[in-house]
Amino acid sequence: MNFIKLYLREIQHLKSYMLILVLVMLASFSVYFFLDEPTIARIGDEDHLFEYLTSLSFLICSAIFLYICFKNRNFIFFLLAIAFFIGFGEEISWGQRILGFSTPESLMEINAQEEFNFHNIMTWEINFVFKVFTLMFGIVLPFLVYHFRFFKSLSMKLRIPVPPISLGIFFMADWLVFRFFLDFVLHPGGVPKYYFSVTEIYEFITSFIMLVISLYFLHYRHLGFGADIKDNLDYLESEKVEMNEFKPVLIYSVSRLMKVAHKQLTFVFHKTA
């Protein structure tokens, strides 16, 4: 049962990361208990609170991954940076409503929301692929790398970034809370955007989990990539590794998200007053 103790040590070592995720998740989903239906519908609408928070999280992720790519010369982070920059652009339709340009007619005919993006052409397929990616990356990968020698050897050889399973499990928790709200919390008979908002909240939490994981990689990049954090716990605890580099980035990231949230909520309450 020694591996159980190691999982508990991992949780203890990463409790600050986990606390941030719990607080953000509680604060986000709790809008359904504290705000009225029109306000909830508005903050979950296009170009409002949760869409902007999601896109900003993706953008910060992309920037962090690109930084790690050049610092550690790891091509996988370059691929992640490109992927999350595309996620950032897609989330806000590449700035279509901000810049005010129209959707080409050929794209409008096949886009479910008539927007300048591609994820609304194959909405179900892309959402499914992203869900599978988060579960494989956040839960399956660290489990296989830690428990099976073959996968650990392969991961070390390819220098695959392995997130802690204690953070990756929040992808599953986010989905479970999302389903709970759909089935038991949302009241029937509301306007469509009232129900759509919980999907936007779910997507934001997913992007924020990815942001926290990117900050974890930034903080521990000096350890190299390929191994699970439990393989390095003895070193981390004996050296009492400081978080001096991590804290400014975390503070900046959270402060930017809070500024966007404050601006959007001020706008929403002004419109509904």
Protein backbone atom coordinates (compact mmCIF):
# COMPACT_ATOMS: atom_id res chain seq x y z
CA MET A 1 0.00 0.00 0.00
CA ASN A 2 3.05 2.24 -0.30
CA PHE A 3 1.73 3.82 -3.51
CA ILE A 4 -1.30 5.15 -1.58
CA LYS A 5 1.05 7.05 0.73
CA LEU A 6 2.78 8.50 -2.32
CA TYR A 7 -0.54 9.69 -3.73
CA LEU A 8 -1.31 11.33 -0.38
CA ARG A 9 2.12 12.98 -0.37
CA GLU A 10 1.45 14.27 -3.88
CA ILE A 11 -1.83 15.81 -2.72
CA GLN A 12 -0.07 17.37 0.28
CA HIS A 13 2.66 18.82 -1.93
CA LEU A 14 0.19 20.27 -4.45
CA LYS A 15 -2.52 21.39 -2.02
CA SER A 16 -2.17 25.06 -3.04
CA TYR A 17 -2.88 24.22 -6.68
CA MET A 18 -5.83 22.05 -5.68
CA LEU A 19 -7.27 24.69 -3.35
CA ILE A 20 -7.26 27.26 -6.16
CA LEU A 21 -9.12 24.84 -8.44
CA VAL A 22 -11.73 24.04 -5.79
CA LEU A 23 -12.36 27.72 -5.03
CA VAL A 24 -12.67 28.72 -8.69
CA MET A 25 -15.00 25.79 -9.39
CA LEU A 26 -17.23 26.63 -6.42
CA ALA A 27 -17.32 30.32 -7.28
CA SER A 28 -18.18 29.66 -10.93
CA PHE A 29 -20.98 27.13 -10.50
CA SER A 30 -22.44 28.99 -7.50
CA VAL A 31 -23.78 31.73 -9.78
CA TYR A 32 -26.84 29.48 -10.21
CA PHE A 33 -27.59 29.90 -6.49
CA PHE A 34 -26.95 33.64 -6.13
CA LEU A 35 -27.95 35.29 -9.43
CA ASP A 36 -31.30 35.55 -11.17
CA GLU A 37 -32.08 33.84 -14.47
CA PRO A 38 -31.60 36.88 -16.80
CA THR A 39 -28.19 37.63 -15.26
CA ILE A 40 -27.06 34.01 -15.54
CA ALA A 41 -28.20 33.94 -19.17
CA ARG A 42 -26.26 37.12 -19.90
CA ILE A 43 -22.92 36.15 -18.32
CA GLY A 44 -22.98 32.86 -20.21
CA ASP A 45 -23.77 34.51 -23.54
CA GLU A 46 -21.35 35.15 -26.40
CA ASP A 47 -18.75 37.87 -25.64
CA HIS A 48 -19.50 37.87 -21.95
CA LEU A 49 -17.90 36.74 -18.71
CA PHE A 50 -17.26 33.03 -19.06
CA GLU A 51 -16.39 33.07 -22.75
CA TYR A 52 -13.78 35.75 -22.13
CA LEU A 53 -12.40 33.90 -19.10
CA THR A 54 -12.09 30.72 -21.16
CA SER A 55 -10.32 32.43 -24.04
CA LEU A 56 -7.96 34.29 -21.68
CA SER A 57 -7.08 31.03 -19.89
CA PHE A 58 -6.26 29.41 -23.24
CA LEU A 59 -4.13 32.40 -24.25
CA ILE A 60 -2.11 32.34 -21.02
CA CYS A 61 -1.69 28.56 -21.40
CA SER A 62 -0.36 29.04 -24.90
CA ALA A 63 2.12 31.71 -23.78
CA ILE A 64 3.40 29.56 -20.90
CA PHE A 65 3.79 26.49 -23.11
CA LEU A 66 5.68 28.53 -25.71
CA TYR A 67 7.99 29.89 -23.00
CA ILE A 68 8.73 26.38 -21.69
CA CYS A 69 9.29 25.17 -25.26
CA PHE A 70 12.13 27.65 -25.79
CA LYS A 71 13.55 27.34 -22.28
CA ASN A 72 13.58 23.53 -22.22
CA ARG A 73 13.78 22.90 -25.96
CA ASN A 74 10.82 20.54 -25.86
CA PHE A 75 8.85 20.36 -29.10
CA ILE A 76 5.78 18.90 -27.40
CA PHE A 77 5.24 22.21 -25.64
CA PHE A 78 5.34 23.96 -29.01
CA LEU A 79 2.50 21.72 -30.20
CA LEU A 80 0.56 22.45 -27.00
CA ALA A 81 1.17 26.19 -27.45
CA ILE A 82 -0.22 26.08 -30.99
CA ALA A 83 -3.21 23.97 -29.92
CA PHE A 84 -4.22 26.30 -27.11
CA PHE A 85 -3.66 29.42 -29.20
CA ILE A 86 -6.11 27.94 -31.70
CA GLY A 87 -8.46 27.28 -28.76
CA PHE A 88 -8.13 30.93 -27.75
CA GLY A 89 -8.94 32.17 -31.25
CA GLU A 90 -11.81 29.74 -31.77
CA GLU A 91 -13.42 30.64 -28.45
CA ILE A 92 -13.84 34.28 -29.48
CA SER A 93 -14.38 33.49 -33.18
CA TRP A 94 -10.97 35.01 -33.92
CA GLY A 95 -12.13 38.40 -32.66
CA GLN A 96 -15.02 38.59 -35.12
CA ARG A 97 -17.42 40.52 -32.87
CA ILE A 98 -14.60 42.59 -31.37
CA LEU A 99 -13.21 43.66 -34.76
CA GLY A 100 -16.63 43.72 -36.43
CA PHE A 101 -16.00 41.66 -39.57
CA SER A 102 -18.66 39.41 -41.07
CA THR A 103 -18.64 35.66 -41.65
CA PRO A 104 -17.94 34.60 -45.26
CA GLU A 105 -21.09 33.29 -46.90
CA SER A 106 -19.58 29.88 -47.62
CA LEU A 107 -18.68 29.44 -43.94
CA MET A 108 -21.99 30.82 -42.71
CA GLU A 109 -23.88 28.10 -44.56
CA ILE A 110 -22.15 25.28 -42.69
CA ASN A 111 -21.52 26.92 -39.31
CA ALA A 112 -24.17 26.16 -36.67
CA GLN A 113 -23.92 29.67 -35.16
CA GLU A 114 -22.96 31.49 -38.39
CA GLU A 115 -19.67 32.58 -36.81
CA PHE A 116 -16.10 32.87 -38.08
CA ASN A 117 -14.81 29.70 -36.45
CA PHE A 118 -14.47 26.03 -37.22
CA HIS A 119 -15.48 24.30 -33.98
CA ASN A 120 -19.16 25.10 -34.62
CA ILE A 121 -19.03 23.17 -37.89
CA MET A 122 -18.30 19.88 -36.12
CA THR A 123 -19.40 20.86 -32.62
CA TRP A 124 -20.07 17.41 -31.17
CA GLU A 125 -16.97 15.82 -32.66
CA ILE A 126 -14.59 18.56 -31.50
CA ASN A 127 -16.09 18.71 -27.99
CA PHE A 128 -15.80 14.93 -27.73
CA VAL A 129 -12.16 14.94 -28.87
CA PHE A 130 -11.30 17.68 -26.35
CA LYS A 131 -13.00 15.79 -23.50
CA VAL A 132 -11.08 12.63 -24.41
CA PHE A 133 -7.83 14.62 -24.57
CA THR A 134 -8.31 16.13 -21.09
CA LEU A 135 -9.09 12.74 -19.54
CA MET A 136 -6.24 10.97 -21.33
CA PHE A 137 -3.74 13.74 -20.59
CA GLY A 138 -4.81 14.53 -17.04
CA ILE A 139 -5.72 11.10 -15.66
CA VAL A 140 -4.74 8.16 -17.90
CA LEU A 141 -1.24 9.41 -18.82
CA PRO A 142 0.03 10.02 -15.26
CA PHE A 143 -1.52 6.74 -14.09
CA LEU A 144 0.20 4.72 -16.82
CA VAL A 145 3.53 6.50 -16.47
CA TYR A 146 3.69 5.95 -12.72
CA HIS A 147 2.42 2.36 -12.57
CA PHE A 148 3.85 0.78 -15.73
CA ARG A 149 7.57 0.68 -16.53
CA PHE A 150 7.05 0.57 -20.31
CA PHE A 151 5.04 3.80 -20.36
CA LYS A 152 7.47 5.51 -18.00
CA SER A 153 10.41 4.55 -20.22
CA LEU A 154 8.61 5.79 -23.32
CA SER A 155 7.57 9.01 -21.61
CA MET A 156 11.12 9.70 -20.42
CA LYS A 157 12.53 9.02 -23.87
CA LEU A 158 10.07 11.37 -25.59
CA ARG A 159 10.17 13.91 -22.72
CA ILE A 160 6.39 13.94 -22.51
CA PRO A 161 5.06 16.43 -19.96
CA VAL A 162 3.15 14.40 -17.36
CA PRO A 163 0.65 16.36 -15.25
CA PRO A 164 -0.04 15.26 -11.67
CA ILE A 165 -3.11 13.04 -11.48
CA SER A 166 -4.19 15.05 -8.42
CA LEU A 167 -4.72 18.00 -10.76
CA GLY A 168 -5.94 16.01 -13.76
CA ILE A 169 -8.72 14.45 -11.70
CA PHE A 170 -10.38 17.87 -11.65
CA PHE A 171 -11.27 17.38 -15.33
CA MET A 172 -13.50 14.49 -14.24
CA ALA A 173 -14.82 16.46 -11.25
CA ASP A 174 -15.72 19.37 -13.53
CA TRP A 175 -17.71 17.09 -15.83
CA LEU A 176 -19.51 15.43 -12.91
CA VAL A 177 -20.53 18.77 -11.42
CA PHE A 178 -21.65 19.92 -14.88
CA ARG A 179 -23.87 16.85 -15.25
CA PHE A 180 -25.20 17.28 -11.70
CA PHE A 181 -26.28 20.84 -12.46
CA LEU A 182 -27.94 19.82 -15.72
CA ASP A 183 -29.88 16.99 -14.07
CA PHE A 184 -30.71 18.34 -10.62
CA VAL A 185 -30.06 22.10 -10.22
CA LEU A 186 -31.28 23.93 -13.33
CA HIS A 187 -35.01 24.53 -13.12
CA PRO A 188 -37.23 23.69 -16.12
CA GLY A 189 -38.88 26.34 -18.26
CA GLY A 190 -35.99 28.78 -18.42
CA VAL A 191 -34.75 30.64 -21.48
CA PRO A 192 -32.26 28.64 -23.61
CA LYS A 193 -29.29 30.81 -22.63
CA TYR A 194 -29.97 30.01 -18.95
CA TYR A 195 -29.11 26.37 -19.72
CA PHE A 196 -26.34 27.28 -22.16
CA SER A 197 -24.50 29.18 -19.40
CA VAL A 198 -23.69 26.01 -17.46
CA THR A 199 -21.88 24.70 -20.54
CA GLU A 200 -19.85 27.91 -20.70
CA ILE A 201 -19.00 27.54 -17.01
CA TYR A 202 -17.94 23.93 -17.59
CA GLU A 203 -15.71 25.00 -20.50
CA PHE A 204 -14.15 27.79 -18.43
CA ILE A 205 -13.33 25.44 -15.55
CA THR A 206 -11.73 23.01 -18.02
CA SER A 207 -9.59 25.80 -19.45
CA PHE A 208 -8.65 27.00 -15.95
CA ILE A 209 -7.58 23.48 -14.92
CA MET A 210 -5.34 23.45 -17.99
CA LEU A 211 -3.97 26.86 -16.97
CA VAL A 212 -3.08 25.58 -13.50
CA ILE A 213 -1.40 22.52 -15.03
CA SER A 214 0.62 24.80 -17.32
CA LEU A 215 1.75 26.77 -14.25
CA TYR A 216 2.75 23.48 -12.62
CA PHE A 217 4.92 22.65 -15.65
CA LEU A 218 6.43 26.14 -15.52
CA HIS A 219 7.27 25.84 -11.85
CA TYR A 220 8.82 22.36 -12.09
CA ARG A 221 10.44 22.59 -15.53
CA HIS A 222 13.91 22.37 -13.93
CA LEU A 223 13.15 18.72 -13.13
CA GLY A 224 12.83 17.87 -16.81
CA PHE A 225 9.89 16.02 -18.33
CA GLY A 226 8.80 12.44 -18.71
CA ALA A 227 8.47 11.34 -15.08
CA ASP A 228 5.52 11.55 -12.71
CA ILE A 229 5.80 13.99 -9.80
CA LYS A 230 5.71 11.11 -7.30
CA ASP A 231 9.10 10.00 -8.64
CA ASN A 232 10.54 13.37 -7.55
CA LEU A 233 8.80 13.86 -4.21
CA ASP A 234 11.81 12.90 -2.10
CA TYR A 235 13.96 15.49 -3.86
CA LEU A 236 11.27 18.18 -3.74
CA GLU A 237 10.61 17.67 -0.05
CA SER A 238 14.27 17.39 0.97
CA GLU A 239 15.27 20.48 -0.98
CA LYS A 240 12.16 22.40 0.08
CA VAL A 241 11.82 23.80 -3.42
CA GLU A 242 10.61 27.37 -3.29
CA MET A 243 7.79 28.78 -5.40
CA ASN A 244 9.36 32.21 -5.96
CA GLU A 245 9.19 31.92 -9.74
CA PHE A 246 5.73 30.40 -9.74
CA LYS A 247 4.01 32.93 -7.49
CA PRO A 248 4.36 36.03 -9.71
CA VAL A 249 2.97 34.14 -12.73
CA LEU A 250 0.12 32.70 -10.67
CA ILE A 251 -0.73 36.09 -9.18
CA TYR A 252 -0.63 37.72 -12.62
CA SER A 253 -2.78 35.03 -14.22
CA VAL A 254 -5.43 35.05 -11.50
CA SER A 255 -5.44 38.86 -11.32
CA ARG A 256 -6.05 39.12 -15.08
CA LEU A 257 -8.93 36.65 -14.82
CA MET A 258 -10.38 38.59 -11.87
CA LYS A 259 -10.15 41.89 -13.77
CA VAL A 260 -12.03 40.41 -16.70
CA ALA A 261 -14.63 38.94 -14.33
CA HIS A 262 -15.07 42.25 -12.49
CA LYS A 263 -15.42 44.22 -15.72
CA GLN A 264 -17.97 41.80 -17.16
CA LEU A 265 -20.02 41.55 -13.96
CA THR A 266 -20.08 45.35 -13.63
CA PHE A 267 -21.37 45.58 -17.19
CA VAL A 268 -23.99 42.88 -16.61
CA PHE A 269 -25.36 44.42 -13.42
CA HIS A 270 -25.44 47.85 -15.06
CA LYS A 271 -27.48 46.45 -17.97
CA THR A 272 -29.91 44.60 -15.70
CA ALA A 273 -30.30 47.44 -13.17
